[in-house]
Amino acid sequence: MKEGEMRRYLFMGLVITLYVFGFVISLYAISADEFLDKVKFTSKAVTKKGDPAQGKVLYAMFCTNCHGETGDGNGPVAGAAKMDPKPRNHTEGKYMNARKGEDLFKIVKLGGKAVDKSVYMPAFGVILSQEDILDMIAFMRTLAVPPYSGN
């Protein structure tokens, strides 16, 4: 066998191997939606209280573009993108005060789509620690009118 033929057979063998490998991997691949369906929120009840002062800093960094500086849901990105539904109004006490800490934690950590809310709400659990999320929730609670009384 000539050297050129040997290289061609090796190349063809490599291509076939990669094709078969890709095909087998694709059998086990799942979509992002399927992944979210399989992921369950297993955290215990959120009992630790966050630090609203630190939460204010994080809220300014991660939330104000959509929720606005005052938390009213009228941030610059929300307006420019014409989001539908609009971002949640965190000053709306009737809604915010009725939410359990665990529910708010899930939304911030997993994102809106994972908890049947807006797809525009990103999952911050990949970049924020549990303590950071609790701090943000503590700050969001200070925005509610009437003020949050605890639940």
C-alpha atoms as a PDB file:
ATOM      1  CA  MET A   1       0.000   0.000   0.000  1.00  0.00           C
ATOM      2  CA  LYS A   2       1.331   3.410  -0.906  1.00  0.00           C
ATOM      3  CA  GLU A   3       1.779   6.156   1.652  1.00  0.00           C
ATOM      4  CA  GLY A   4      -0.836   8.372  -0.064  1.00  0.00           C
ATOM      5  CA  GLU A   5      -3.453   5.611   0.013  1.00  0.00           C
ATOM      6  CA  MET A   6      -2.689   4.912   3.665  1.00  0.00           C
ATOM      7  CA  ARG A   7      -3.247   8.571   4.577  1.00  0.00           C
ATOM      8  CA  ARG A   8      -6.505   8.623   2.652  1.00  0.00           C
ATOM      9  CA  TYR A   9      -7.782   5.515   4.476  1.00  0.00           C
ATOM     10  CA  LEU A  10      -6.707   6.927   7.836  1.00  0.00           C
ATOM     11  CA  PHE A  11      -8.454  10.206   7.033  1.00  0.00           C
ATOM     12  CA  MET A  12     -11.639   8.411   5.929  1.00  0.00           C
ATOM     13  CA  GLY A  13     -11.509   6.269   9.073  1.00  0.00           C
ATOM     14  CA  LEU A  14     -11.181   9.380  11.219  1.00  0.00           C
ATOM     15  CA  VAL A  15     -14.122  11.072   9.468  1.00  0.00           C
ATOM     16  CA  ILE A  16     -16.314   7.982   9.866  1.00  0.00           C
ATOM     17  CA  THR A  17     -15.328   7.632  13.533  1.00  0.00           C
ATOM     18  CA  LEU A  18     -16.168  11.283  14.238  1.00  0.00           C
ATOM     19  CA  TYR A  19     -19.471  10.949  12.396  1.00  0.00           C
ATOM     20  CA  VAL A  20     -20.459   7.863  14.407  1.00  0.00           C
ATOM     21  CA  PHE A  21     -19.324   9.528  17.643  1.00  0.00           C
ATOM     22  CA  GLY A  22     -21.384  12.645  16.858  1.00  0.00           C
ATOM     23  CA  PHE A  23     -24.419  10.543  16.023  1.00  0.00           C
ATOM     24  CA  VAL A  24     -24.189   8.576  19.273  1.00  0.00           C
ATOM     25  CA  ILE A  25     -23.754  11.767  21.329  1.00  0.00           C
ATOM     26  CA  SER A  26     -26.784  13.342  19.634  1.00  0.00           C
ATOM     27  CA  LEU A  27     -28.932  10.444  20.826  1.00  0.00           C
ATOM     28  CA  TYR A  28     -28.283  11.518  24.416  1.00  0.00           C
ATOM     29  CA  ALA A  29     -28.499  15.281  23.877  1.00  0.00           C
ATOM     30  CA  ILE A  30     -31.496  17.152  25.234  1.00  0.00           C
ATOM     31  CA  SER A  31     -32.776  20.629  24.589  1.00  0.00           C
ATOM     32  CA  ALA A  32     -32.583  23.435  27.139  1.00  0.00           C
ATOM     33  CA  ASP A  33     -36.338  23.122  27.684  1.00  0.00           C
ATOM     34  CA  GLU A  34     -36.027  19.413  28.447  1.00  0.00           C
ATOM     35  CA  PHE A  35     -33.151  20.147  30.828  1.00  0.00           C
ATOM     36  CA  LEU A  36     -35.227  22.731  32.712  1.00  0.00           C
ATOM     37  CA  ASP A  37     -38.096  20.258  32.914  1.00  0.00           C
ATOM     38  CA  LYS A  38     -35.778  17.740  34.573  1.00  0.00           C
ATOM     39  CA  VAL A  39     -34.103  20.172  36.962  1.00  0.00           C
ATOM     40  CA  LYS A  40     -35.924  20.425  40.242  1.00  0.00           C
ATOM     41  CA  PHE A  41     -35.379  23.177  42.768  1.00  0.00           C
ATOM     42  CA  THR A  42     -34.282  21.238  45.825  1.00  0.00           C
ATOM     43  CA  SER A  43     -33.122  23.994  48.153  1.00  0.00           C
ATOM     44  CA  LYS A  44     -34.458  23.934  51.679  1.00  0.00           C
ATOM     45  CA  ALA A  45     -36.637  26.781  52.853  1.00  0.00           C
ATOM     46  CA  VAL A  46     -34.900  30.139  52.649  1.00  0.00           C
ATOM     47  CA  THR A  47     -34.589  31.193  56.266  1.00  0.00           C
ATOM     48  CA  LYS A  48     -31.463  33.353  56.275  1.00  0.00           C
ATOM     49  CA  LYS A  49     -32.138  37.039  55.875  1.00  0.00           C
ATOM     50  CA  GLY A  50     -30.032  38.969  53.427  1.00  0.00           C
ATOM     51  CA  ASP A  51     -28.290  42.315  53.793  1.00  0.00           C
ATOM     52  CA  PRO A  52     -30.349  45.013  52.022  1.00  0.00           C
ATOM     53  CA  ALA A  53     -27.348  47.366  51.776  1.00  0.00           C
ATOM     54  CA  GLN A  54     -25.313  44.785  49.847  1.00  0.00           C
ATOM     55  CA  GLY A  55     -28.441  43.823  47.925  1.00  0.00           C
ATOM     56  CA  LYS A  56     -28.843  47.426  46.763  1.00  0.00           C
ATOM     57  CA  VAL A  57     -25.391  47.300  45.158  1.00  0.00           C
ATOM     58  CA  LEU A  58     -26.175  43.991  43.428  1.00  0.00           C
ATOM     59  CA  TYR A  59     -29.628  45.201  42.362  1.00  0.00           C
ATOM     60  CA  ALA A  60     -28.030  48.264  40.758  1.00  0.00           C
ATOM     61  CA  MET A  61     -25.586  46.030  38.868  1.00  0.00           C
ATOM     62  CA  PHE A  62     -27.936  43.288  37.696  1.00  0.00           C
ATOM     63  CA  CYS A  63     -31.556  44.442  37.914  1.00  0.00           C
ATOM     64  CA  THR A  64     -31.973  48.138  37.160  1.00  0.00           C
ATOM     65  CA  ASN A  65     -31.536  47.784  33.403  1.00  0.00           C
ATOM     66  CA  CYS A  66     -34.883  46.015  33.257  1.00  0.00           C
ATOM     67  CA  HIS A  67     -36.616  46.780  36.571  1.00  0.00           C
ATOM     68  CA  GLY A  68     -35.509  50.424  36.775  1.00  0.00           C
ATOM     69  CA  GLU A  69     -33.590  52.292  39.465  1.00  0.00           C
ATOM     70  CA  THR A  70     -36.673  52.508  41.667  1.00  0.00           C
ATOM     71  CA  GLY A  71     -37.774  48.927  40.916  1.00  0.00           C
ATOM     72  CA  ASP A  72     -40.938  50.041  39.111  1.00  0.00           C
ATOM     73  CA  GLY A  73     -40.343  47.786  36.088  1.00  0.00           C
ATOM     74  CA  ASN A  74     -39.509  50.671  33.751  1.00  0.00           C
ATOM     75  CA  GLY A  75     -35.790  50.194  33.189  1.00  0.00           C
ATOM     76  CA  PRO A  76     -34.102  51.399  29.986  1.00  0.00           C
ATOM     77  CA  VAL A  77     -33.709  47.922  28.476  1.00  0.00           C
ATOM     78  CA  ALA A  78     -37.331  47.023  29.177  1.00  0.00           C
ATOM     79  CA  GLY A  79     -38.510  50.147  27.382  1.00  0.00           C
ATOM     80  CA  ALA A  80     -36.138  49.852  24.441  1.00  0.00           C
ATOM     81  CA  ALA A  81     -36.856  46.147  23.926  1.00  0.00           C
ATOM     82  CA  LYS A  82     -40.618  46.621  24.396  1.00  0.00           C
ATOM     83  CA  MET A  83     -40.664  43.579  26.666  1.00  0.00           C
ATOM     84  CA  ASP A  84     -43.976  41.776  26.923  1.00  0.00           C
ATOM     85  CA  PRO A  85     -44.626  41.052  29.690  1.00  0.00           C
ATOM     86  CA  LYS A  86     -42.941  44.047  31.292  1.00  0.00           C
ATOM     87  CA  PRO A  87     -40.468  43.368  34.097  1.00  0.00           C
ATOM     88  CA  ARG A  88     -42.049  42.914  37.526  1.00  0.00           C
ATOM     89  CA  ASN A  89     -42.779  46.101  39.473  1.00  0.00           C
ATOM     90  CA  HIS A  90     -40.955  45.498  42.765  1.00  0.00           C
ATOM     91  CA  THR A  91     -42.646  48.518  44.359  1.00  0.00           C
ATOM     92  CA  GLU A  92     -46.058  46.848  44.044  1.00  0.00           C
ATOM     93  CA  GLY A  93     -46.495  45.846  47.679  1.00  0.00           C
ATOM     94  CA  LYS A  94     -49.640  43.779  47.212  1.00  0.00           C
ATOM     95  CA  TYR A  95     -47.780  41.410  44.869  1.00  0.00           C
ATOM     96  CA  MET A  96     -44.316  41.506  46.459  1.00  0.00           C
ATOM     97  CA  ASN A  97     -45.542  41.103  50.039  1.00  0.00           C
ATOM     98  CA  ALA A  98     -47.550  38.029  49.074  1.00  0.00           C
ATOM     99  CA  ARG A  99     -44.464  36.258  47.654  1.00  0.00           C
ATOM    100  CA  LYS A 100     -42.565  33.845  49.861  1.00  0.00           C
ATOM    101  CA  GLY A 101     -38.807  34.222  50.087  1.00  0.00           C
ATOM    102  CA  GLU A 102     -38.407  30.764  48.531  1.00  0.00           C
ATOM    103  CA  ASP A 103     -40.429  31.810  45.490  1.00  0.00           C
ATOM    104  CA  LEU A 104     -38.382  34.957  44.913  1.00  0.00           C
ATOM    105  CA  PHE A 105     -35.198  32.950  45.441  1.00  0.00           C
ATOM    106  CA  LYS A 106     -36.219  30.436  42.760  1.00  0.00           C
ATOM    107  CA  ILE A 107     -37.041  33.163  40.261  1.00  0.00           C
ATOM    108  CA  VAL A 108     -33.721  34.960  40.744  1.00  0.00           C
ATOM    109  CA  LYS A 109     -31.644  31.768  40.840  1.00  0.00           C
ATOM    110  CA  LEU A 110     -33.285  29.779  38.031  1.00  0.00           C
ATOM    111  CA  GLY A 111     -34.705  32.543  35.845  1.00  0.00           C
ATOM    112  CA  GLY A 112     -38.220  33.244  34.705  1.00  0.00           C
ATOM    113  CA  LYS A 113     -38.587  30.445  32.184  1.00  0.00           C
ATOM    114  CA  ALA A 114     -37.716  27.780  34.746  1.00  0.00           C
ATOM    115  CA  VAL A 115     -40.571  28.871  37.013  1.00  0.00           C
ATOM    116  CA  ASP A 116     -43.176  29.658  34.345  1.00  0.00           C
ATOM    117  CA  LYS A 117     -42.537  33.395  34.418  1.00  0.00           C
ATOM    118  CA  SER A 118     -41.148  35.697  31.741  1.00  0.00           C
ATOM    119  CA  VAL A 119     -38.414  34.310  29.485  1.00  0.00           C
ATOM    120  CA  TYR A 120     -36.747  37.727  29.708  1.00  0.00           C
ATOM    121  CA  MET A 121     -35.804  37.136  33.348  1.00  0.00           C
ATOM    122  CA  PRO A 122     -32.316  35.580  33.281  1.00  0.00           C
ATOM    123  CA  ALA A 123     -31.081  32.925  35.699  1.00  0.00           C
ATOM    124  CA  PHE A 124     -28.626  34.611  38.043  1.00  0.00           C
ATOM    125  CA  GLY A 125     -27.768  31.430  39.943  1.00  0.00           C
ATOM    126  CA  VAL A 126     -24.791  30.863  37.654  1.00  0.00           C
ATOM    127  CA  ILE A 127     -23.133  34.165  38.608  1.00  0.00           C
ATOM    128  CA  LEU A 128     -24.504  35.012  42.051  1.00  0.00           C
ATOM    129  CA  SER A 129     -24.043  33.073  45.264  1.00  0.00           C
ATOM    130  CA  GLN A 130     -26.946  32.097  47.502  1.00  0.00           C
ATOM    131  CA  GLU A 131     -25.953  34.920  49.862  1.00  0.00           C
ATOM    132  CA  ASP A 132     -25.936  37.433  46.983  1.00  0.00           C
ATOM    133  CA  ILE A 133     -29.429  36.371  45.947  1.00  0.00           C
ATOM    134  CA  LEU A 134     -30.688  36.647  49.528  1.00  0.00           C
ATOM    135  CA  ASP A 135     -29.158  40.129  49.742  1.00  0.00           C
ATOM    136  CA  MET A 136     -30.941  41.167  46.537  1.00  0.00           C
ATOM    137  CA  ILE A 137     -34.248  39.814  47.825  1.00  0.00           C
ATOM    138  CA  ALA A 138     -33.764  41.712  51.100  1.00  0.00           C
ATOM    139  CA  PHE A 139     -33.280  44.907  49.095  1.00  0.00           C
ATOM    140  CA  MET A 140     -36.253  44.189  46.810  1.00  0.00           C
ATOM    141  CA  ARG A 141     -38.383  43.838  49.938  1.00  0.00           C
ATOM    142  CA  THR A 142     -37.472  47.437  50.900  1.00  0.00           C
ATOM    143  CA  LEU A 143     -38.935  48.720  47.620  1.00  0.00           C
ATOM    144  CA  ALA A 144     -42.462  47.444  48.255  1.00  0.00           C
ATOM    145  CA  VAL A 145     -45.225  49.916  49.103  1.00  0.00           C
ATOM    146  CA  PRO A 146     -46.749  49.190  51.554  1.00  0.00           C
ATOM    147  CA  PRO A 147     -43.568  47.937  53.233  1.00  0.00           C
ATOM    148  CA  TYR A 148     -42.922  44.223  53.602  1.00  0.00           C
ATOM    149  CA  SER A 149     -44.002  42.913  57.001  1.00  0.00           C
ATOM    150  CA  GLY A 150     -42.528  39.417  56.705  1.00  0.00           C
ATOM    151  CA  ASN A 151     -43.868  36.014  55.691  1.00  0.00           C
END
